[in-house]
Amino acid sequence: MNNLSSLGGASVTDALSRSILRVFSAFSYARIGWGCVLKNNTCQMSGVEPAKQGYYIVKGGGLPRIDVIGFNHRVNWQTLLQRLKSATNIGAPVIE
């Protein structure tokens, strides 16, 4: 996640670490990763491995486990930056 600082600065990384990554302390995962190849202002996204539909960003392991699957393989770069910024401006996730 620290590599995300190149997307939107250290504040994006800090916000993700404080909010979204807290979820993963409660759930087991085997692998976590996200990739982006930027070409012509479009990000071609990938994860740690293909899923039946999409790609795994987080591949769970053990119990309790969590899987996070991405479905969009291509996204406009500016749209992605806006979505990441919006995601870091909301409160921490709630686990019930």
Foldseek 3Di string as FASTA:
>chain_A
DCVCCVLPHVLLVVLCVVAVCVVPVVAAFDDAAKDWDDDPQKTQIEDPAQDPAAHWRTHFDDPPTDTDGDHDRIDGSVVVSVVSVVVSPDHHDDDD
